[in-house]
Amino acid sequence: MKRKRYKVRVKLVFETTMDHSQTSMKKAQEDVVRVLTDYLKNRKLNILNFFDGTTPQIICTAQLDDRRR
């Protein structure tokens, strides 16, 4: 039986809440996104520290890889 190549995409969805005070909901969301983006840019920090040991939701899709090698 011949083996086929598949491209598998895995998406991890973590969920957490952050308390934040701001003048509007939009500004609060922008602040939190900016904090997380800056945190992710620093490769020495571990993003999992934000999620209190919760398990992520795993979404996995596969499709046949049409590239010939």
Protein backbone atom coordinates (compact mmCIF):
# COMPACT_ATOMS: atom_id res chain seq x y z
CA MET A 1 0.00 0.00 0.00
CA LYS A 2 1.46 3.36 -1.03
CA ARG A 3 1.85 6.04 1.62
CA LYS A 4 0.25 9.41 0.98
CA ARG A 5 1.43 12.75 2.27
CA TYR A 6 -0.96 14.89 4.28
CA LYS A 7 -0.68 18.47 5.44
CA VAL A 8 -2.04 18.64 8.98
CA ARG A 9 -2.91 22.00 10.52
CA VAL A 10 -3.21 22.15 14.30
CA LYS A 11 -4.80 25.10 16.07
CA LEU A 12 -4.56 25.46 19.85
CA VAL A 13 -7.17 27.72 21.43
CA PHE A 14 -6.42 28.95 24.94
CA GLU A 15 -8.95 30.97 26.88
CA THR A 16 -8.33 33.25 29.83
CA THR A 17 -9.71 36.43 31.35
CA MET A 18 -7.81 39.54 32.31
CA ASP A 19 -9.13 42.35 34.50
CA HIS A 20 -8.40 45.76 32.99
CA SER A 21 -9.67 49.29 33.61
CA GLN A 22 -10.02 51.67 30.67
CA THR A 23 -12.43 54.35 29.41
CA SER A 24 -14.00 52.10 26.75
CA MET A 25 -14.27 48.42 25.89
CA LYS A 26 -12.40 48.91 22.60
CA LYS A 27 -9.45 50.63 24.31
CA ALA A 28 -9.31 47.87 26.95
CA GLN A 29 -9.20 45.20 24.23
CA GLU A 30 -6.46 47.10 22.36
CA ASP A 31 -4.39 47.37 25.56
CA VAL A 32 -4.66 43.65 26.29
CA VAL A 33 -3.79 42.72 22.69
CA ARG A 34 -0.77 45.06 22.84
CA VAL A 35 0.41 43.46 26.11
CA LEU A 36 0.09 39.94 24.71
CA THR A 37 1.76 40.89 21.42
CA ASP A 38 4.71 42.47 23.23
CA TYR A 39 4.92 39.42 25.49
CA LEU A 40 5.03 37.07 22.48
CA LYS A 41 7.81 39.09 20.83
CA ASN A 42 10.10 38.32 23.78
CA ARG A 43 11.05 34.71 23.04
CA LYS A 44 12.48 34.13 26.53
CA LEU A 45 9.06 34.42 28.20
CA ASN A 46 6.60 31.54 28.42
CA ILE A 47 3.09 32.43 27.17
CA LEU A 48 1.63 29.48 29.10
CA ASN A 49 2.09 31.50 32.31
CA PHE A 50 -1.05 33.46 31.33
CA PHE A 51 -3.30 30.38 31.26
CA ASP A 52 -3.13 28.87 34.78
CA GLY A 53 -2.50 25.30 33.60
CA THR A 54 -5.73 25.02 31.61
CA THR A 55 -5.83 22.61 28.70
CA PRO A 56 -6.27 24.20 25.26
CA GLN A 57 -8.97 23.27 22.79
CA ILE A 58 -7.25 21.41 19.94
CA ILE A 59 -8.63 21.84 16.42
CA CYS A 60 -7.00 19.61 13.83
CA THR A 61 -7.59 19.47 10.07
CA ALA A 62 -5.85 17.35 7.44
CA GLN A 63 -5.72 17.56 3.68
CA LEU A 64 -3.92 15.64 1.01
CA ASP A 65 -0.59 17.25 0.12
CA ASP A 66 -0.58 17.60 -3.68
CA ARG A 67 3.09 18.59 -3.98
CA ARG A 68 5.20 15.94 -5.65
CA ARG A 69 8.67 15.22 -4.30
